[in-house]
Amino acid sequence: MLESARKNAGRSRVTGGWNKNQRDRFDRRARDEYHASEAYGSADRSAVYGSLAGELEEFVTLIRETPEYINYQTQKKKISENPELKKAADTLRMENFDIHMTASDEDVAEEVLKFAENNEALYRIPEIYDYLSAEASFCKMMQDVFDGILNGILEE
């Protein structure tokens, strides 16, 4: 299982929509920070924490530059211009979430198909479809990023 996690962690930067420049910057920073943290030793943790805070700001900037984030923000702005559509999209998301959280593993696929059939008309509205698709894509990218961080930290 750890081996597949390593493979996923390595791919997350690629499949998350990062361009080559962003990947190179991230890899370079990770390498440089590792060597810099060795010099701090355990005596000066505040310097390490300060450095991490700075790196976090750059990491957030990298995430905000991804196509997934930009598209999500664009679609969020579009749908927010129509409160009725925004409310419908939010309701769809919550009902879909509830199905995934409450249905048994055997029934979830059937429940999701039934849910999709019952709400087909709403999914055909371009603003709702585009918003929910952009949100799902951004969430998937963030899940890959979090998995990559966790796997990198736990890697032995």
C-alpha atoms as a PDB file:
ATOM      1  CA  MET A   1       0.000   0.000   0.000  1.00  0.00           C
ATOM      2  CA  LEU A   2       2.836   2.399   0.780  1.00  0.00           C
ATOM      3  CA  GLU A   3       4.282   1.849  -2.696  1.00  0.00           C
ATOM      4  CA  SER A   4       1.017   2.878  -4.388  1.00  0.00           C
ATOM      5  CA  ALA A   5       0.835   5.884  -2.084  1.00  0.00           C
ATOM      6  CA  ARG A   6       4.331   6.908  -3.205  1.00  0.00           C
ATOM      7  CA  LYS A   7       3.303   6.627  -6.840  1.00  0.00           C
ATOM      8  CA  ASN A   8       0.197   8.738  -6.215  1.00  0.00           C
ATOM      9  CA  ALA A   9       2.199  11.328  -4.290  1.00  0.00           C
ATOM     10  CA  GLY A  10       4.622  11.634  -7.178  1.00  0.00           C
ATOM     11  CA  ARG A  11       1.851  12.033  -9.710  1.00  0.00           C
ATOM     12  CA  SER A  12      -0.229  14.466  -7.700  1.00  0.00           C
ATOM     13  CA  ARG A  13       1.807  17.472  -8.782  1.00  0.00           C
ATOM     14  CA  VAL A  14       1.440  16.407 -12.401  1.00  0.00           C
ATOM     15  CA  THR A  15      -2.217  15.416 -12.417  1.00  0.00           C
ATOM     16  CA  GLY A  16      -3.101  18.374 -10.207  1.00  0.00           C
ATOM     17  CA  GLY A  17      -2.528  20.674 -13.165  1.00  0.00           C
ATOM     18  CA  TRP A  18       0.834  22.130 -12.150  1.00  0.00           C
ATOM     19  CA  ASN A  19       2.941  23.272 -15.066  1.00  0.00           C
ATOM     20  CA  LYS A  20       6.610  22.370 -15.377  1.00  0.00           C
ATOM     21  CA  ASN A  21       7.756  25.671 -13.895  1.00  0.00           C
ATOM     22  CA  GLN A  22       5.531  25.224 -10.832  1.00  0.00           C
ATOM     23  CA  ARG A  23       6.717  21.626 -10.330  1.00  0.00           C
ATOM     24  CA  ASP A  24      10.371  22.686 -10.659  1.00  0.00           C
ATOM     25  CA  ARG A  25       9.891  25.544  -8.159  1.00  0.00           C
ATOM     26  CA  PHE A  26       8.195  23.199  -5.695  1.00  0.00           C
ATOM     27  CA  ASP A  27      10.884  20.520  -6.069  1.00  0.00           C
ATOM     28  CA  ARG A  28      13.693  23.074  -5.752  1.00  0.00           C
ATOM     29  CA  ARG A  29      12.127  24.619  -2.638  1.00  0.00           C
ATOM     30  CA  ALA A  30      11.583  21.196  -1.079  1.00  0.00           C
ATOM     31  CA  ARG A  31      15.228  20.259  -1.694  1.00  0.00           C
ATOM     32  CA  ASP A  32      16.588  23.580  -0.437  1.00  0.00           C
ATOM     33  CA  GLU A  33      14.332  23.590   2.634  1.00  0.00           C
ATOM     34  CA  TYR A  34      15.415  20.081   3.570  1.00  0.00           C
ATOM     35  CA  HIS A  35      19.092  21.041   3.548  1.00  0.00           C
ATOM     36  CA  ALA A  36      18.399  24.325   5.329  1.00  0.00           C
ATOM     37  CA  SER A  37      16.438  22.585   8.088  1.00  0.00           C
ATOM     38  CA  GLU A  38      19.422  20.340   8.847  1.00  0.00           C
ATOM     39  CA  ALA A  39      21.503  23.436   9.615  1.00  0.00           C
ATOM     40  CA  TYR A  40      18.972  24.750  12.145  1.00  0.00           C
ATOM     41  CA  GLY A  41      19.208  21.751  14.430  1.00  0.00           C
ATOM     42  CA  SER A  42      16.683  21.298  17.190  1.00  0.00           C
ATOM     43  CA  ALA A  43      17.793  24.436  19.070  1.00  0.00           C
ATOM     44  CA  ASP A  44      16.145  26.963  16.776  1.00  0.00           C
ATOM     45  CA  ARG A  45      12.700  25.633  15.921  1.00  0.00           C
ATOM     46  CA  SER A  46      11.254  29.118  15.547  1.00  0.00           C
ATOM     47  CA  ALA A  47      13.503  29.713  12.534  1.00  0.00           C
ATOM     48  CA  VAL A  48      12.257  26.499  10.950  1.00  0.00           C
ATOM     49  CA  TYR A  49       8.635  27.405  11.677  1.00  0.00           C
ATOM     50  CA  GLY A  50       9.179  30.869  10.248  1.00  0.00           C
ATOM     51  CA  SER A  51      10.671  29.345   7.140  1.00  0.00           C
ATOM     52  CA  LEU A  52       7.717  26.964   6.821  1.00  0.00           C
ATOM     53  CA  ALA A  53       5.294  29.884   7.102  1.00  0.00           C
ATOM     54  CA  GLY A  54       7.066  31.593   4.216  1.00  0.00           C
ATOM     55  CA  GLU A  55       7.010  28.436   2.167  1.00  0.00           C
ATOM     56  CA  LEU A  56       3.322  28.026   2.920  1.00  0.00           C
ATOM     57  CA  GLU A  57       2.587  31.435   1.422  1.00  0.00           C
ATOM     58  CA  GLU A  58       4.384  30.458  -1.780  1.00  0.00           C
ATOM     59  CA  PHE A  59       2.622  27.082  -1.810  1.00  0.00           C
ATOM     60  CA  VAL A  60      -0.775  28.797  -1.517  1.00  0.00           C
ATOM     61  CA  THR A  61       0.206  31.096  -4.385  1.00  0.00           C
ATOM     62  CA  LEU A  62       1.107  28.062  -6.505  1.00  0.00           C
ATOM     63  CA  ILE A  63      -2.279  26.506  -5.783  1.00  0.00           C
ATOM     64  CA  ARG A  64      -4.055  29.731  -6.719  1.00  0.00           C
ATOM     65  CA  GLU A  65      -2.218  29.715 -10.067  1.00  0.00           C
ATOM     66  CA  THR A  66      -3.511  26.266 -11.050  1.00  0.00           C
ATOM     67  CA  PRO A  67      -6.100  25.958 -13.813  1.00  0.00           C
ATOM     68  CA  GLU A  68      -8.373  24.047 -11.419  1.00  0.00           C
ATOM     69  CA  TYR A  69      -8.452  26.867  -8.877  1.00  0.00           C
ATOM     70  CA  ILE A  70      -8.862  29.588 -11.501  1.00  0.00           C
ATOM     71  CA  ASN A  71     -11.700  27.695 -13.210  1.00  0.00           C
ATOM     72  CA  TYR A  72     -13.401  26.997  -9.879  1.00  0.00           C
ATOM     73  CA  GLN A  73     -13.289  30.671  -8.919  1.00  0.00           C
ATOM     74  CA  THR A  74     -14.606  31.685 -12.363  1.00  0.00           C
ATOM     75  CA  GLN A  75     -17.516  29.225 -12.175  1.00  0.00           C
ATOM     76  CA  LYS A  76     -18.234  30.159  -8.562  1.00  0.00           C
ATOM     77  CA  LYS A  77     -18.498  33.815  -9.539  1.00  0.00           C
ATOM     78  CA  LYS A  78     -20.776  33.000 -12.491  1.00  0.00           C
ATOM     79  CA  ILE A  79     -23.189  30.875 -10.499  1.00  0.00           C
ATOM     80  CA  SER A  80     -23.220  33.334  -7.594  1.00  0.00           C
ATOM     81  CA  GLU A  81     -24.783  35.870  -9.946  1.00  0.00           C
ATOM     82  CA  ASN A  82     -27.919  33.709  -9.902  1.00  0.00           C
ATOM     83  CA  PRO A  83     -28.821  32.845  -6.282  1.00  0.00           C
ATOM     84  CA  GLU A  84     -31.476  30.317  -7.347  1.00  0.00           C
ATOM     85  CA  LEU A  85     -28.969  28.303  -9.389  1.00  0.00           C
ATOM     86  CA  LYS A  86     -26.384  28.549  -6.609  1.00  0.00           C
ATOM     87  CA  LYS A  87     -28.910  27.216  -4.112  1.00  0.00           C
ATOM     88  CA  ALA A  88     -29.866  24.366  -6.483  1.00  0.00           C
ATOM     89  CA  ALA A  89     -26.195  23.442  -6.977  1.00  0.00           C
ATOM     90  CA  ASP A  90     -25.555  23.522  -3.229  1.00  0.00           C
ATOM     91  CA  THR A  91     -28.595  21.309  -2.638  1.00  0.00           C
ATOM     92  CA  LEU A  92     -27.397  18.816  -5.272  1.00  0.00           C
ATOM     93  CA  ARG A  93     -23.969  18.693  -3.682  1.00  0.00           C
ATOM     94  CA  MET A  94     -25.323  18.144  -0.177  1.00  0.00           C
ATOM     95  CA  GLU A  95     -27.787  15.446  -1.252  1.00  0.00           C
ATOM     96  CA  ASN A  96     -25.036  13.665  -3.195  1.00  0.00           C
ATOM     97  CA  PHE A  97     -22.765  13.891  -0.150  1.00  0.00           C
ATOM     98  CA  ASP A  98     -25.494  12.482   2.086  1.00  0.00           C
ATOM     99  CA  ILE A  99     -25.960   9.516  -0.253  1.00  0.00           C
ATOM    100  CA  HIS A 100     -22.251   8.732  -0.152  1.00  0.00           C
ATOM    101  CA  MET A 101     -22.150   9.028   3.620  1.00  0.00           C
ATOM    102  CA  THR A 102     -25.301   7.068   4.459  1.00  0.00           C
ATOM    103  CA  ALA A 103     -25.669   4.408   1.756  1.00  0.00           C
ATOM    104  CA  SER A 104     -23.997   1.072   2.255  1.00  0.00           C
ATOM    105  CA  ASP A 105     -21.103   0.172  -0.016  1.00  0.00           C
ATOM    106  CA  GLU A 106     -23.342  -2.226  -1.927  1.00  0.00           C
ATOM    107  CA  ASP A 107     -26.110   0.339  -2.446  1.00  0.00           C
ATOM    108  CA  VAL A 108     -24.131   3.505  -3.122  1.00  0.00           C
ATOM    109  CA  ALA A 109     -23.785   2.991  -6.890  1.00  0.00           C
ATOM    110  CA  GLU A 110     -27.500   2.300  -7.255  1.00  0.00           C
ATOM    111  CA  GLU A 111     -28.394   5.297  -5.070  1.00  0.00           C
ATOM    112  CA  VAL A 112     -26.110   7.620  -7.039  1.00  0.00           C
ATOM    113  CA  LEU A 113     -27.619   6.486 -10.352  1.00  0.00           C
ATOM    114  CA  LYS A 114     -31.122   7.003  -9.003  1.00  0.00           C
ATOM    115  CA  PHE A 115     -30.120  10.438  -7.693  1.00  0.00           C
ATOM    116  CA  ALA A 116     -28.615  11.401 -11.078  1.00  0.00           C
ATOM    117  CA  GLU A 117     -31.753  10.293 -12.921  1.00  0.00           C
ATOM    118  CA  ASN A 118     -34.002  12.255 -10.552  1.00  0.00           C
ATOM    119  CA  ASN A 119     -31.889  15.391 -10.956  1.00  0.00           C
ATOM    120  CA  GLU A 120     -30.958  15.099 -14.623  1.00  0.00           C
ATOM    121  CA  ALA A 121     -32.723  18.343 -15.528  1.00  0.00           C
ATOM    122  CA  LEU A 122     -30.643  20.306 -13.016  1.00  0.00           C
ATOM    123  CA  TYR A 123     -27.378  18.757 -14.192  1.00  0.00           C
ATOM    124  CA  ARG A 124     -28.236  19.837 -17.747  1.00  0.00           C
ATOM    125  CA  ILE A 125     -28.198  23.511 -16.728  1.00  0.00           C
ATOM    126  CA  PRO A 126     -24.750  24.657 -17.943  1.00  0.00           C
ATOM    127  CA  GLU A 127     -24.039  26.952 -14.972  1.00  0.00           C
ATOM    128  CA  ILE A 128     -24.775  24.183 -12.452  1.00  0.00           C
ATOM    129  CA  TYR A 129     -22.873  21.531 -14.389  1.00  0.00           C
ATOM    130  CA  ASP A 130     -19.851  23.793 -14.953  1.00  0.00           C
ATOM    131  CA  TYR A 131     -19.769  24.907 -11.313  1.00  0.00           C
ATOM    132  CA  LEU A 132     -20.051  21.408  -9.843  1.00  0.00           C
ATOM    133  CA  SER A 133     -17.504  20.031 -12.329  1.00  0.00           C
ATOM    134  CA  ALA A 134     -15.021  22.808 -11.552  1.00  0.00           C
ATOM    135  CA  GLU A 135     -15.534  22.296  -7.834  1.00  0.00           C
ATOM    136  CA  ALA A 136     -15.009  18.532  -8.139  1.00  0.00           C
ATOM    137  CA  SER A 137     -11.848  19.055 -10.194  1.00  0.00           C
ATOM    138  CA  PHE A 138     -10.436  21.519  -7.655  1.00  0.00           C
ATOM    139  CA  CYS A 139     -11.323  19.209  -4.758  1.00  0.00           C
ATOM    140  CA  LYS A 140      -9.631  16.267  -6.509  1.00  0.00           C
ATOM    141  CA  MET A 141      -6.494  18.328  -7.053  1.00  0.00           C
ATOM    142  CA  MET A 142      -6.457  19.377  -3.386  1.00  0.00           C
ATOM    143  CA  GLN A 143      -6.978  15.779  -2.296  1.00  0.00           C
ATOM    144  CA  ASP A 144      -3.962  14.770  -4.396  1.00  0.00           C
ATOM    145  CA  VAL A 145      -1.929  17.598  -2.844  1.00  0.00           C
ATOM    146  CA  PHE A 146      -2.908  16.618   0.708  1.00  0.00           C
ATOM    147  CA  ASP A 147      -2.198  12.953  -0.039  1.00  0.00           C
ATOM    148  CA  GLY A 148       1.217  13.931  -1.425  1.00  0.00           C
ATOM    149  CA  ILE A 149       2.035  15.956   1.681  1.00  0.00           C
ATOM    150  CA  LEU A 150       0.904  13.226   4.041  1.00  0.00           C
ATOM    151  CA  ASN A 151       2.694  10.485   2.128  1.00  0.00           C
ATOM    152  CA  GLY A 152       5.849  12.612   1.996  1.00  0.00           C
ATOM    153  CA  ILE A 153       5.747  13.187   5.732  1.00  0.00           C
ATOM    154  CA  LEU A 154       5.011   9.561   6.608  1.00  0.00           C
ATOM    155  CA  GLU A 155       7.478   8.098   4.123  1.00  0.00           C
ATOM    156  CA  GLU A 156      10.139   6.159   5.955  1.00  0.00           C
END
